[in-house]
């Protein structure tokens, strides 16, 4: 992959609310972001259809699962545990070579050492 930007859930929500713009070019969301968004939606079926039309959705394949497992083991050994949702989003970003657009830099900063790149500096 490598061309485009992975959009985190907070950015997706702000985009839907009209509070932020997305970068030009291909925009991706992970299946975790899809899940997080749909679980808070009043009409999940409609929301899913709209997200599938507007975004490229990355479902977890072997590369993502292997990267997530590697990240988890390394962080556990150093005593740093993170939420599985953040870990899986980071694994998608790293394994697919897509910079992550997020307003939650604090959640993802520890993944920089594993190759995570952020899409520009972003703040609300």
PDB file of N, CA and C in Angstrom:
ATOM      1  N   UNK A   1       0.854  -1.171   0.000  1.00  0.00           N
ATOM      2  CA  UNK A   1       0.000   0.000   0.000  1.00  0.00           C
ATOM      3  C   UNK A   1       0.897   1.231   0.000  1.00  0.00           C
ATOM      4  N   UNK A   2       0.919   1.966   1.101  1.00  0.00           N
ATOM      5  CA  UNK A   2       1.875   3.037   1.238  1.00  0.00           C
ATOM      6  C   UNK A   2       1.448   4.401   0.744  1.00  0.00           C
ATOM      7  N   UNK A   3       0.438   4.511  -0.060  1.00  0.00           N
ATOM      8  CA  UNK A   3       0.001   5.828  -0.525  1.00  0.00           C
ATOM      9  C   UNK A   3      -1.352   6.145   0.086  1.00  0.00           C
ATOM     10  N   UNK A   4      -1.418   7.228   0.824  1.00  0.00           N
ATOM     11  CA  UNK A   4      -2.654   7.607   1.479  1.00  0.00           C
ATOM     12  C   UNK A   4      -2.435   7.849   2.950  1.00  0.00           C
ATOM     13  N   UNK A   5      -3.541   7.953   3.685  1.00  0.00           N
ATOM     14  CA  UNK A   5      -3.513   8.257   5.112  1.00  0.00           C
ATOM     15  C   UNK A   5      -4.521   7.367   5.825  1.00  0.00           C
ATOM     16  N   UNK A   6      -4.121   6.844   6.984  1.00  0.00           N
ATOM     17  CA  UNK A   6      -5.030   6.079   7.832  1.00  0.00           C
ATOM     18  C   UNK A   6      -5.682   7.047   8.812  1.00  0.00           C
ATOM     19  N   UNK A   7      -7.000   7.061   8.845  1.00  0.00           N
ATOM     20  CA  UNK A   7      -7.764   7.987   9.675  1.00  0.00           C
ATOM     21  C   UNK A   7      -8.171   7.282  10.968  1.00  0.00           C
ATOM     22  N   UNK A   8      -7.843   7.908  12.098  1.00  0.00           N
ATOM     23  CA  UNK A   8      -8.229   7.366  13.397  1.00  0.00           C
ATOM     24  C   UNK A   8      -9.680   7.754  13.695  1.00  0.00           C
ATOM     25  N   UNK A   9     -10.263   7.073  14.655  1.00  0.00           N
ATOM     26  CA  UNK A   9     -11.678   7.256  14.979  1.00  0.00           C
ATOM     27  C   UNK A   9     -12.006   8.692  15.378  1.00  0.00           C
ATOM     28  N   UNK A  10     -11.153   9.328  16.163  1.00  0.00           N
ATOM     29  CA  UNK A  10     -11.443  10.700  16.589  1.00  0.00           C
ATOM     30  C   UNK A  10     -11.516  11.647  15.395  1.00  0.00           C
ATOM     31  N   UNK A  11     -10.663  11.450  14.429  1.00  0.00           N
ATOM     32  CA  UNK A  11     -10.662  12.291  13.227  1.00  0.00           C
ATOM     33  C   UNK A  11     -11.923  12.014  12.415  1.00  0.00           C
ATOM     34  N   UNK A  12     -12.278  10.748  12.275  1.00  0.00           N
ATOM     35  CA  UNK A  12     -13.490  10.388  11.546  1.00  0.00           C
ATOM     36  C   UNK A  12     -14.710  11.067  12.156  1.00  0.00           C
ATOM     37  N   UNK A  13     -14.818  11.016  13.458  1.00  0.00           N
ATOM     38  CA  UNK A  13     -15.959  11.641  14.145  1.00  0.00           C
ATOM     39  C   UNK A  13     -15.975  13.148  13.895  1.00  0.00           C
ATOM     40  N   UNK A  14     -14.818  13.790  14.011  1.00  0.00           N
ATOM     41  CA  UNK A  14     -14.754  15.230  13.769  1.00  0.00           C
ATOM     42  C   UNK A  14     -15.036  15.580  12.313  1.00  0.00           C
ATOM     43  N   UNK A  15     -14.639  14.728  11.404  1.00  0.00           N
ATOM     44  CA  UNK A  15     -14.942  14.935   9.987  1.00  0.00           C
ATOM     45  C   UNK A  15     -16.458  14.856   9.749  1.00  0.00           C
ATOM     46  N   UNK A  16     -17.092  13.849  10.308  1.00  0.00           N
ATOM     47  CA  UNK A  16     -18.541  13.681  10.157  1.00  0.00           C
ATOM     48  C   UNK A  16     -19.277  14.885  10.749  1.00  0.00           C
ATOM     49  N   UNK A  17     -18.763  15.434  11.844  1.00  0.00           N
ATOM     50  CA  UNK A  17     -19.379  16.597  12.481  1.00  0.00           C
ATOM     51  C   UNK A  17     -19.050  17.908  11.760  1.00  0.00           C
ATOM     52  N   UNK A  18     -18.193  17.840  10.741  1.00  0.00           N
ATOM     53  CA  UNK A  18     -17.811  19.042  10.007  1.00  0.00           C
ATOM     54  C   UNK A  18     -16.759  19.882  10.711  1.00  0.00           C
ATOM     55  N   UNK A  19     -16.027  19.291  11.661  1.00  0.00           N
ATOM     56  CA  UNK A  19     -15.039  20.031  12.443  1.00  0.00           C
ATOM     57  C   UNK A  19     -13.627  19.960  11.870  1.00  0.00           C
ATOM     58  N   UNK A  20     -13.406  19.061  10.945  1.00  0.00           N
ATOM     59  CA  UNK A  20     -12.075  18.925  10.357  1.00  0.00           C
ATOM     60  C   UNK A  20     -12.200  18.469   8.914  1.00  0.00           C
ATOM     61  N   UNK A  21     -11.137  18.686   8.169  1.00  0.00           N
ATOM     62  CA  UNK A  21     -11.084  18.225   6.793  1.00  0.00           C
ATOM     63  C   UNK A  21     -10.107  17.061   6.704  1.00  0.00           C
ATOM     64  N   UNK A  22     -10.328  16.242   5.719  1.00  0.00           N
ATOM     65  CA  UNK A  22      -9.426  15.119   5.487  1.00  0.00           C
ATOM     66  C   UNK A  22      -8.419  15.506   4.413  1.00  0.00           C
ATOM     67  N   UNK A  23      -7.263  14.875   4.445  1.00  0.00           N
ATOM     68  CA  UNK A  23      -6.266  15.174   3.423  1.00  0.00           C
ATOM     69  C   UNK A  23      -6.727  14.707   2.043  1.00  0.00           C
ATOM     70  N   UNK A  24      -6.144  15.306   1.034  1.00  0.00           N
ATOM     71  CA  UNK A  24      -6.423  14.878  -0.340  1.00  0.00           C
ATOM     72  C   UNK A  24      -5.748  13.536  -0.577  1.00  0.00           C
ATOM     73  N   UNK A  25      -6.290  12.764  -1.480  1.00  0.00           N
ATOM     74  CA  UNK A  25      -5.723  11.459  -1.794  1.00  0.00           C
ATOM     75  C   UNK A  25      -6.482  10.355  -1.098  1.00  0.00           C
ATOM     76  N   UNK A  26      -5.995   9.144  -1.243  1.00  0.00           N
ATOM     77  CA  UNK A  26      -6.694   8.006  -0.643  1.00  0.00           C
ATOM     78  C   UNK A  26      -6.742   8.104   0.882  1.00  0.00           C
ATOM     79  N   UNK A  27      -7.921   7.878   1.429  1.00  0.00           N
ATOM     80  CA  UNK A  27      -8.082   7.847   2.888  1.00  0.00           C
ATOM     81  C   UNK A  27      -8.605   6.470   3.286  1.00  0.00           C
ATOM     82  N   UNK A  28      -7.995   5.942   4.325  1.00  0.00           N
ATOM     83  CA  UNK A  28      -8.295   4.604   4.797  1.00  0.00           C
ATOM     84  C   UNK A  28      -8.777   4.672   6.240  1.00  0.00           C
ATOM     85  N   UNK A  29      -9.586   3.698   6.629  1.00  0.00           N
ATOM     86  CA  UNK A  29      -9.882   3.451   8.030  1.00  0.00           C
ATOM     87  C   UNK A  29      -9.672   1.958   8.278  1.00  0.00           C
ATOM     88  N   UNK A  30      -9.351   1.636   9.509  1.00  0.00           N
ATOM     89  CA  UNK A  30      -9.187   0.224   9.855  1.00  0.00           C
ATOM     90  C   UNK A  30     -10.542  -0.351  10.252  1.00  0.00           C
ATOM     91  N   UNK A  31     -10.622  -1.649  10.293  1.00  0.00           N
ATOM     92  CA  UNK A  31     -11.866  -2.275  10.739  1.00  0.00           C
ATOM     93  C   UNK A  31     -12.168  -1.909  12.187  1.00  0.00           C
ATOM     94  N   UNK A  32     -11.154  -1.574  12.974  1.00  0.00           N
ATOM     95  CA  UNK A  32     -11.370  -1.154  14.356  1.00  0.00           C
ATOM     96  C   UNK A  32     -12.064   0.204  14.380  1.00  0.00           C
ATOM     97  N   UNK A  33     -11.621   1.122  13.536  1.00  0.00           N
ATOM     98  CA  UNK A  33     -12.276   2.429  13.439  1.00  0.00           C
ATOM     99  C   UNK A  33     -13.707   2.269  12.950  1.00  0.00           C
ATOM    100  N   UNK A  34     -13.909   1.391  11.991  1.00  0.00           N
ATOM    101  CA  UNK A  34     -15.264   1.100  11.513  1.00  0.00           C
ATOM    102  C   UNK A  34     -16.128   0.615  12.676  1.00  0.00           C
ATOM    103  N   UNK A  35     -15.623  -0.324  13.442  1.00  0.00           N
ATOM    104  CA  UNK A  35     -16.342  -0.863  14.600  1.00  0.00           C
ATOM    105  C   UNK A  35     -16.636   0.229  15.635  1.00  0.00           C
ATOM    106  N   UNK A  36     -15.607   1.008  15.988  1.00  0.00           N
ATOM    107  CA  UNK A  36     -15.799   2.044  16.998  1.00  0.00           C
ATOM    108  C   UNK A  36     -16.861   3.056  16.562  1.00  0.00           C
ATOM    109  N   UNK A  37     -16.847   3.401  15.287  1.00  0.00           N
ATOM    110  CA  UNK A  37     -17.828   4.361  14.789  1.00  0.00           C
ATOM    111  C   UNK A  37     -19.231   3.771  14.772  1.00  0.00           C
ATOM    112  N   UNK A  38     -19.355   2.537  14.293  1.00  0.00           N
ATOM    113  CA  UNK A  38     -20.675   1.925  14.165  1.00  0.00           C
ATOM    114  C   UNK A  38     -21.330   1.667  15.516  1.00  0.00           C
ATOM    115  N   UNK A  39     -20.549   1.321  16.507  1.00  0.00           N
ATOM    116  CA  UNK A  39     -21.146   1.012  17.806  1.00  0.00           C
ATOM    117  C   UNK A  39     -21.788   2.238  18.446  1.00  0.00           C
ATOM    118  N   UNK A  40     -21.374   3.430  18.045  1.00  0.00           N
ATOM    119  CA  UNK A  40     -21.975   4.647  18.569  1.00  0.00           C
ATOM    120  C   UNK A  40     -23.017   5.260  17.651  1.00  0.00           C
ATOM    121  N   UNK A  41     -23.308   4.583  16.560  1.00  0.00           N
ATOM    122  CA  UNK A  41     -24.230   5.124  15.561  1.00  0.00           C
ATOM    123  C   UNK A  41     -25.675   4.725  15.851  1.00  0.00           C
ATOM    124  N   UNK A  42     -26.590   5.613  15.524  1.00  0.00           N
ATOM    125  CA  UNK A  42     -28.019   5.300  15.691  1.00  0.00           C
ATOM    126  C   UNK A  42     -28.522   4.355  14.617  1.00  0.00           C
ATOM    127  N   UNK A  43     -27.900   4.400  13.454  1.00  0.00           N
ATOM    128  CA  UNK A  43     -28.290   3.537  12.334  1.00  0.00           C
ATOM    129  C   UNK A  43     -27.025   2.890  11.774  1.00  0.00           C
ATOM    130  N   UNK A  44     -26.539   1.843  12.445  1.00  0.00           N
ATOM    131  CA  UNK A  44     -25.262   1.238  12.054  1.00  0.00           C
ATOM    132  C   UNK A  44     -25.219   0.749  10.608  1.00  0.00           C
ATOM    133  N   UNK A  45     -26.291   0.188  10.096  1.00  0.00           N
ATOM    134  CA  UNK A  45     -26.279  -0.325   8.724  1.00  0.00           C
ATOM    135  C   UNK A  45     -26.069   0.814   7.724  1.00  0.00           C
ATOM    136  N   UNK A  46     -26.764   1.918   7.940  1.00  0.00           N
ATOM    137  CA  UNK A  46     -26.615   3.079   7.047  1.00  0.00           C
ATOM    138  C   UNK A  46     -25.215   3.680   7.186  1.00  0.00           C
ATOM    139  N   UNK A  47     -24.753   3.826   8.422  1.00  0.00           N
ATOM    140  CA  UNK A  47     -23.418   4.376   8.665  1.00  0.00           C
ATOM    141  C   UNK A  47     -22.354   3.510   8.007  1.00  0.00           C
ATOM    142  N   UNK A  48     -22.488   2.196   8.115  1.00  0.00           N
ATOM    143  CA  UNK A  48     -21.518   1.285   7.504  1.00  0.00           C
ATOM    144  C   UNK A  48     -21.490   1.457   5.991  1.00  0.00           C
ATOM    145  N   UNK A  49     -22.654   1.541   5.406  1.00  0.00           N
ATOM    146  CA  UNK A  49     -22.745   1.722   3.948  1.00  0.00           C
ATOM    147  C   UNK A  49     -22.061   3.029   3.529  1.00  0.00           C
ATOM    148  N   UNK A  50     -22.311   4.113   4.254  1.00  0.00           N
ATOM    149  CA  UNK A  50     -21.701   5.401   3.914  1.00  0.00           C
ATOM    150  C   UNK A  50     -20.185   5.382   4.096  1.00  0.00           C
ATOM    151  N   UNK A  51     -19.721   4.746   5.156  1.00  0.00           N
ATOM    152  CA  UNK A  51     -18.273   4.657   5.362  1.00  0.00           C
ATOM    153  C   UNK A  51     -17.615   3.817   4.276  1.00  0.00           C
ATOM    154  N   UNK A  52     -18.269   2.752   3.869  1.00  0.00           N
ATOM    155  CA  UNK A  52     -17.710   1.906   2.806  1.00  0.00           C
ATOM    156  C   UNK A  52     -17.659   2.653   1.473  1.00  0.00           C
ATOM    157  N   UNK A  53     -18.577   3.585   1.272  1.00  0.00           N
ATOM    158  CA  UNK A  53     -18.567   4.381   0.042  1.00  0.00           C
ATOM    159  C   UNK A  53     -17.492   5.469   0.079  1.00  0.00           C
ATOM    160  N   UNK A  54     -17.208   6.008   1.263  1.00  0.00           N
ATOM    161  CA  UNK A  54     -16.309   7.145   1.360  1.00  0.00           C
ATOM    162  C   UNK A  54     -14.875   6.834   1.737  1.00  0.00           C
ATOM    163  N   UNK A  55     -14.631   5.640   2.248  1.00  0.00           N
ATOM    164  CA  UNK A  55     -13.302   5.279   2.726  1.00  0.00           C
ATOM    165  C   UNK A  55     -12.917   3.895   2.231  1.00  0.00           C
ATOM    166  N   UNK A  56     -11.625   3.683   2.134  1.00  0.00           N
ATOM    167  CA  UNK A  56     -11.122   2.334   1.891  1.00  0.00           C
ATOM    168  C   UNK A  56     -10.916   1.704   3.268  1.00  0.00           C
ATOM    169  N   UNK A  57     -11.551   0.585   3.477  1.00  0.00           N
ATOM    170  CA  UNK A  57     -11.475  -0.065   4.791  1.00  0.00           C
ATOM    171  C   UNK A  57     -10.433  -1.171   4.744  1.00  0.00           C
ATOM    172  N   UNK A  58      -9.542  -1.150   5.716  1.00  0.00           N
ATOM    173  CA  UNK A  58      -8.502  -2.167   5.807  1.00  0.00           C
ATOM    174  C   UNK A  58      -8.913  -3.171   6.872  1.00  0.00           C
ATOM    175  N   UNK A  59      -9.132  -4.391   6.427  1.00  0.00           N
ATOM    176  CA  UNK A  59      -9.441  -5.480   7.346  1.00  0.00           C
ATOM    177  C   UNK A  59      -8.146  -6.186   7.712  1.00  0.00           C
ATOM    178  N   UNK A  60      -8.116  -6.752   8.885  1.00  0.00           N
ATOM    179  CA  UNK A  60      -6.887  -7.354   9.388  1.00  0.00           C
ATOM    180  C   UNK A  60      -6.515  -8.596   8.590  1.00  0.00           C
ATOM    181  N   UNK A  61      -5.341  -8.539   8.005  1.00  0.00           N
ATOM    182  CA  UNK A  61      -4.795  -9.681   7.294  1.00  0.00           C
ATOM    183  C   UNK A  61      -3.616 -10.214   8.114  1.00  0.00           C
ATOM    184  N   UNK A  62      -2.889 -11.170   7.557  1.00  0.00           N
ATOM    185  CA  UNK A  62      -1.770 -11.772   8.293  1.00  0.00           C
ATOM    186  C   UNK A  62      -0.716 -10.750   8.691  1.00  0.00           C
ATOM    187  N   UNK A  63      -0.415  -9.785   7.813  1.00  0.00           N
ATOM    188  CA  UNK A  63       0.596  -8.775   8.125  1.00  0.00           C
ATOM    189  C   UNK A  63       0.199  -7.956   9.346  1.00  0.00           C
ATOM    190  N   UNK A  64      -1.063  -7.555   9.413  1.00  0.00           N
ATOM    191  CA  UNK A  64      -1.543  -6.755  10.534  1.00  0.00           C
ATOM    192  C   UNK A  64      -1.509  -7.573  11.821  1.00  0.00           C
ATOM    193  N   UNK A  65      -1.991  -8.811  11.768  1.00  0.00           N
ATOM    194  CA  UNK A  65      -2.023  -9.652  12.970  1.00  0.00           C
ATOM    195  C   UNK A  65      -0.616  -9.954  13.483  1.00  0.00           C
ATOM    196  N   UNK A  66       0.291 -10.240  12.579  1.00  0.00           N
ATOM    197  CA  UNK A  66       1.676 -10.500  13.005  1.00  0.00           C
ATOM    198  C   UNK A  66       2.305  -9.255  13.620  1.00  0.00           C
ATOM    199  N   UNK A  67       2.086  -8.091  13.014  1.00  0.00           N
ATOM    200  CA  UNK A  67       2.638  -6.848  13.553  1.00  0.00           C
ATOM    201  C   UNK A  67       2.024  -6.542  14.915  1.00  0.00           C
ATOM    202  N   UNK A  68       0.716  -6.714  15.049  1.00  0.00           N
ATOM    203  CA  UNK A  68       0.045  -6.462  16.332  1.00  0.00           C
ATOM    204  C   UNK A  68       0.597  -7.390  17.415  1.00  0.00           C
ATOM    205  N   UNK A  69       0.812  -8.649  17.079  1.00  0.00           N
ATOM    206  CA  UNK A  69       1.359  -9.614  18.046  1.00  0.00           C
ATOM    207  C   UNK A  69       2.763  -9.212  18.472  1.00  0.00           C
ATOM    208  N   UNK A  70       3.564  -8.795  17.515  1.00  0.00           N
ATOM    209  CA  UNK A  70       4.929  -8.347  17.805  1.00  0.00           C
ATOM    210  C   UNK A  70       4.910  -7.123  18.724  1.00  0.00           C
ATOM    211  N   UNK A  71       4.073  -6.161  18.407  1.00  0.00           N
ATOM    212  CA  UNK A  71       3.959  -4.955  19.231  1.00  0.00           C
ATOM    213  C   UNK A  71       3.530  -5.311  20.656  1.00  0.00           C
ATOM    214  N   UNK A  72       2.523  -6.148  20.763  1.00  0.00           N
ATOM    215  CA  UNK A  72       2.004  -6.525  22.085  1.00  0.00           C
ATOM    216  C   UNK A  72       3.088  -7.187  22.926  1.00  0.00           C
ATOM    217  N   UNK A  73       3.793  -8.157  22.334  1.00  0.00           N
ATOM    218  CA  UNK A  73       4.840  -8.861  23.081  1.00  0.00           C
ATOM    219  C   UNK A  73       5.928  -7.905  23.540  1.00  0.00           C
ATOM    220  N   UNK A  74       6.384  -7.038  22.652  1.00  0.00           N
ATOM    221  CA  UNK A  74       7.459  -6.106  22.991  1.00  0.00           C
ATOM    222  C   UNK A  74       7.017  -5.136  24.083  1.00  0.00           C
ATOM    223  N   UNK A  75       5.805  -4.607  23.954  1.00  0.00           N
ATOM    224  CA  UNK A  75       5.313  -3.673  24.975  1.00  0.00           C
ATOM    225  C   UNK A  75       5.094  -4.373  26.315  1.00  0.00           C
ATOM    226  N   UNK A  76       4.606  -5.601  26.277  1.00  0.00           N
ATOM    227  CA  UNK A  76       4.399  -6.357  27.524  1.00  0.00           C
ATOM    228  C   UNK A  76       5.725  -6.594  28.238  1.00  0.00           C
ATOM    229  N   UNK A  77       6.756  -6.954  27.466  1.00  0.00           N
ATOM    230  CA  UNK A  77       8.073  -7.196  28.060  1.00  0.00           C
ATOM    231  C   UNK A  77       8.629  -5.951  28.745  1.00  0.00           C
ATOM    232  N   UNK A  78       8.277  -4.776  28.222  1.00  0.00           N
ATOM    233  CA  UNK A  78       8.775  -3.532  28.822  1.00  0.00           C
ATOM    234  C   UNK A  78       7.796  -2.966  29.854  1.00  0.00           C
ATOM    235  N   UNK A  79       6.719  -3.701  30.120  1.00  0.00           N
ATOM    236  CA  UNK A  79       5.748  -3.270  31.117  1.00  0.00           C
ATOM    237  C   UNK A  79       4.780  -2.201  30.646  1.00  0.00           C
ATOM    238  N   UNK A  80       4.737  -1.961  29.355  1.00  0.00           N
ATOM    239  CA  UNK A  80       3.834  -0.954  28.781  1.00  0.00           C
ATOM    240  C   UNK A  80       2.679  -1.651  28.095  1.00  0.00           C
ATOM    241  N   UNK A  81       1.529  -1.550  28.678  1.00  0.00           N
ATOM    242  CA  UNK A  81       0.360  -2.150  28.036  1.00  0.00           C
ATOM    243  C   UNK A  81      -0.497  -1.030  27.443  1.00  0.00           C
ATOM    244  N   UNK A  82      -1.128  -1.338  26.351  1.00  0.00           N
ATOM    245  CA  UNK A  82      -2.003  -0.378  25.678  1.00  0.00           C
ATOM    246  C   UNK A  82      -3.316  -1.065  25.352  1.00  0.00           C
ATOM    247  N   UNK A  83      -4.319  -0.260  25.053  1.00  0.00           N
ATOM    248  CA  UNK A  83      -5.599  -0.821  24.636  1.00  0.00           C
ATOM    249  C   UNK A  83      -5.424  -1.563  23.321  1.00  0.00           C
ATOM    250  N   UNK A  84      -6.103  -2.697  23.216  1.00  0.00           N
ATOM    251  CA  UNK A  84      -6.014  -3.477  21.981  1.00  0.00           C
ATOM    252  C   UNK A  84      -6.458  -2.674  20.763  1.00  0.00           C
ATOM    253  N   UNK A  85      -7.458  -1.826  20.923  1.00  0.00           N
ATOM    254  CA  UNK A  85      -7.928  -1.037  19.777  1.00  0.00           C
ATOM    255  C   UNK A  85      -6.816  -0.141  19.248  1.00  0.00           C
ATOM    256  N   UNK A  86      -6.114   0.551  20.127  1.00  0.00           N
ATOM    257  CA  UNK A  86      -5.018   1.416  19.693  1.00  0.00           C
ATOM    258  C   UNK A  86      -3.889   0.594  19.087  1.00  0.00           C
ATOM    259  N   UNK A  87      -3.587  -0.529  19.716  1.00  0.00           N
ATOM    260  CA  UNK A  87      -2.529  -1.392  19.214  1.00  0.00           C
ATOM    261  C   UNK A  87      -2.846  -1.887  17.802  1.00  0.00           C
ATOM    262  N   UNK A  88      -4.076  -2.278  17.553  1.00  0.00           N
ATOM    263  CA  UNK A  88      -4.459  -2.777  16.233  1.00  0.00           C
ATOM    264  C   UNK A  88      -4.452  -1.669  15.180  1.00  0.00           C
ATOM    265  N   UNK A  89      -4.888  -0.482  15.546  1.00  0.00           N
ATOM    266  CA  UNK A  89      -4.829   0.641  14.600  1.00  0.00           C
ATOM    267  C   UNK A  89      -3.374   0.959  14.270  1.00  0.00           C
ATOM    268  N   UNK A  90      -2.516   0.970  15.279  1.00  0.00           N
ATOM    269  CA  UNK A  90      -1.090   1.207  15.042  1.00  0.00           C
ATOM    270  C   UNK A  90      -0.505   0.117  14.150  1.00  0.00           C
ATOM    271  N   UNK A  91      -0.889  -1.123  14.376  1.00  0.00           N
ATOM    272  CA  UNK A  91      -0.383  -2.236  13.561  1.00  0.00           C
ATOM    273  C   UNK A  91      -0.802  -2.081  12.097  1.00  0.00           C
ATOM    274  N   UNK A  92      -2.009  -1.614  11.858  1.00  0.00           N
ATOM    275  CA  UNK A  92      -2.454  -1.361  10.473  1.00  0.00           C
ATOM    276  C   UNK A  92      -1.580  -0.277   9.859  1.00  0.00           C
ATOM    277  N   UNK A  93      -1.405   0.817  10.578  1.00  0.00           N
ATOM    278  CA  UNK A  93      -0.618   1.937  10.074  1.00  0.00           C
ATOM    279  C   UNK A  93       0.808   1.510   9.724  1.00  0.00           C
ATOM    280  N   UNK A  94       1.435   0.784  10.629  1.00  0.00           N
ATOM    281  CA  UNK A  94       2.818   0.360  10.423  1.00  0.00           C
ATOM    282  C   UNK A  94       2.914  -0.672   9.303  1.00  0.00           C
ATOM    283  N   UNK A  95       2.091  -1.707   9.353  1.00  0.00           N
ATOM    284  CA  UNK A  95       2.221  -2.802   8.383  1.00  0.00           C
ATOM    285  C   UNK A  95       1.818  -2.382   6.968  1.00  0.00           C
ATOM    286  N   UNK A  96       0.943  -1.402   6.847  1.00  0.00           N
ATOM    287  CA  UNK A  96       0.510  -0.942   5.523  1.00  0.00           C
ATOM    288  C   UNK A  96       1.245   0.317   5.085  1.00  0.00           C
ATOM    289  N   UNK A  97       2.196   0.757   5.912  1.00  0.00           N
ATOM    290  CA  UNK A  97       3.026   1.912   5.588  1.00  0.00           C
ATOM    291  C   UNK A  97       2.179   3.150   5.288  1.00  0.00           C
ATOM    292  N   UNK A  98       1.190   3.389   6.157  1.00  0.00           N
ATOM    293  CA  UNK A  98       0.309   4.545   6.016  1.00  0.00           C
ATOM    294  C   UNK A  98       0.468   5.443   7.245  1.00  0.00           C
ATOM    295  N   UNK A  99       0.733   6.732   7.052  1.00  0.00           N
ATOM    296  CA  UNK A  99       0.783   7.611   8.218  1.00  0.00           C
ATOM    297  C   UNK A  99      -0.591   7.697   8.870  1.00  0.00           C
ATOM    298  N   UNK A 100      -0.595   7.857  10.176  1.00  0.00           N
ATOM    299  CA  UNK A 100      -1.828   7.906  10.946  1.00  0.00           C
ATOM    300  C   UNK A 100      -2.217   9.352  11.225  1.00  0.00           C
ATOM    301  N   UNK A 101      -3.444   9.696  10.892  1.00  0.00           N
ATOM    302  CA  UNK A 101      -3.988  11.008  11.242  1.00  0.00           C
ATOM    303  C   UNK A 101      -4.845  10.816  12.479  1.00  0.00           C
ATOM    304  N   UNK A 102      -4.384  11.379  13.592  1.00  0.00           N
ATOM    305  CA  UNK A 102      -5.073  11.224  14.864  1.00  0.00           C
ATOM    306  C   UNK A 102      -4.896  12.474  15.701  1.00  0.00           C
ATOM    307  N   UNK A 103      -5.853  12.744  16.534  1.00  0.00           N
ATOM    308  CA  UNK A 103      -5.728  13.796  17.527  1.00  0.00           C
ATOM    309  C   UNK A 103      -5.278  13.237  18.860  1.00  0.00           C
ATOM    310  N   UNK A 104      -5.113  11.928  18.926  1.00  0.00           N
ATOM    311  CA  UNK A 104      -4.721  11.233  20.159  1.00  0.00           C
ATOM    312  C   UNK A 104      -3.244  10.845  20.113  1.00  0.00           C
ATOM    313  N   UNK A 105      -2.389  11.814  19.910  1.00  0.00           N
ATOM    314  CA  UNK A 105      -0.958  11.523  19.810  1.00  0.00           C
ATOM    315  C   UNK A 105      -0.452  10.778  21.034  1.00  0.00           C
ATOM    316  N   UNK A 106      -0.986  11.122  22.187  1.00  0.00           N
ATOM    317  CA  UNK A 106      -0.553  10.476  23.439  1.00  0.00           C
ATOM    318  C   UNK A 106      -0.808   8.965  23.403  1.00  0.00           C
ATOM    319  N   UNK A 107      -1.923   8.548  22.798  1.00  0.00           N
ATOM    320  CA  UNK A 107      -2.254   7.123  22.717  1.00  0.00           C
ATOM    321  C   UNK A 107      -1.284   6.367  21.821  1.00  0.00           C
ATOM    322  N   UNK A 108      -0.755   7.041  20.815  1.00  0.00           N
ATOM    323  CA  UNK A 108       0.008   6.347  19.785  1.00  0.00           C
ATOM    324  C   UNK A 108       1.501   6.655  19.789  1.00  0.00           C
ATOM    325  N   UNK A 109       1.941   7.592  20.598  1.00  0.00           N
ATOM    326  CA  UNK A 109       3.329   8.032  20.570  1.00  0.00           C
ATOM    327  C   UNK A 109       4.320   6.887  20.782  1.00  0.00           C
ATOM    328  N   UNK A 110       3.989   5.943  21.658  1.00  0.00           N
ATOM    329  CA  UNK A 110       4.920   4.840  21.945  1.00  0.00           C
ATOM    330  C   UNK A 110       5.155   3.929  20.746  1.00  0.00           C
ATOM    331  N   UNK A 111       4.322   4.048  19.715  1.00  0.00           N
ATOM    332  CA  UNK A 111       4.485   3.211  18.531  1.00  0.00           C
ATOM    333  C   UNK A 111       5.464   3.811  17.510  1.00  0.00           C
ATOM    334  N   UNK A 112       5.916   5.040  17.755  1.00  0.00           N
ATOM    335  CA  UNK A 112       6.907   5.650  16.854  1.00  0.00           C
ATOM    336  C   UNK A 112       8.166   4.779  16.767  1.00  0.00           C
ATOM    337  N   UNK A 113       8.560   4.206  17.898  1.00  0.00           N
ATOM    338  CA  UNK A 113       9.767   3.365  17.920  1.00  0.00           C
ATOM    339  C   UNK A 113       9.626   2.123  17.051  1.00  0.00           C
ATOM    340  N   UNK A 114       8.412   1.796  16.655  1.00  0.00           N
ATOM    341  CA  UNK A 114       8.154   0.611  15.832  1.00  0.00           C
ATOM    342  C   UNK A 114       7.904   0.980  14.369  1.00  0.00           C
ATOM    343  N   UNK A 115       8.040   2.264  14.056  1.00  0.00           N
ATOM    344  CA  UNK A 115       7.863   2.689  12.674  1.00  0.00           C
ATOM    345  C   UNK A 115       6.586   3.453  12.373  1.00  0.00           C
ATOM    346  N   UNK A 116       5.773   3.716  13.389  1.00  0.00           N
ATOM    347  CA  UNK A 116       4.554   4.494  13.161  1.00  0.00           C
ATOM    348  C   UNK A 116       4.918   5.928  12.815  1.00  0.00           C
ATOM    349  N   UNK A 117       4.310   6.421  11.770  1.00  0.00           N
ATOM    350  CA  UNK A 117       4.477   7.819  11.385  1.00  0.00           C
ATOM    351  C   UNK A 117       3.124   8.507  11.468  1.00  0.00           C
ATOM    352  N   UNK A 118       3.158   9.763  11.867  1.00  0.00           N
ATOM    353  CA  UNK A 118       1.936  10.545  11.941  1.00  0.00           C
ATOM    354  C   UNK A 118       1.796  11.401  10.694  1.00  0.00           C
ATOM    355  N   UNK A 119       0.554  11.607  10.282  1.00  0.00           N
ATOM    356  CA  UNK A 119       0.288  12.511   9.177  1.00  0.00           C
ATOM    357  C   UNK A 119       0.330  13.917   9.738  1.00  0.00           C
ATOM    358  N   UNK A 120       1.383  14.619   9.415  1.00  0.00           N
ATOM    359  CA  UNK A 120       1.604  15.998   9.873  1.00  0.00           C
ATOM    360  C   UNK A 120       1.381  16.108  11.377  1.00  0.00           C
ATOM    361  N   UNK A 121       1.482  17.271  11.895  1.00  0.00           N
ATOM    362  CA  UNK A 121       1.101  17.518  13.286  1.00  0.00           C
ATOM    363  C   UNK A 121      -0.351  17.904  13.255  1.00  0.00           C
ATOM    364  N   UNK A 122      -1.134  17.229  14.032  1.00  0.00           N
ATOM    365  CA  UNK A 122      -2.569  17.479  13.990  1.00  0.00           C
ATOM    366  C   UNK A 122      -3.072  17.781  15.375  1.00  0.00           C
ATOM    367  N   UNK A 123      -3.872  18.821  15.477  1.00  0.00           N
ATOM    368  CA  UNK A 123      -4.574  19.098  16.724  1.00  0.00           C
ATOM    369  C   UNK A 123      -5.920  19.709  16.372  1.00  0.00           C
ATOM    370  N   UNK A 124      -6.848  19.588  17.288  1.00  0.00           N
ATOM    371  CA  UNK A 124      -8.195  20.093  17.031  1.00  0.00           C
ATOM    372  C   UNK A 124      -8.203  21.599  17.066  1.00  0.00           C
TER     373      UNK A 124
END
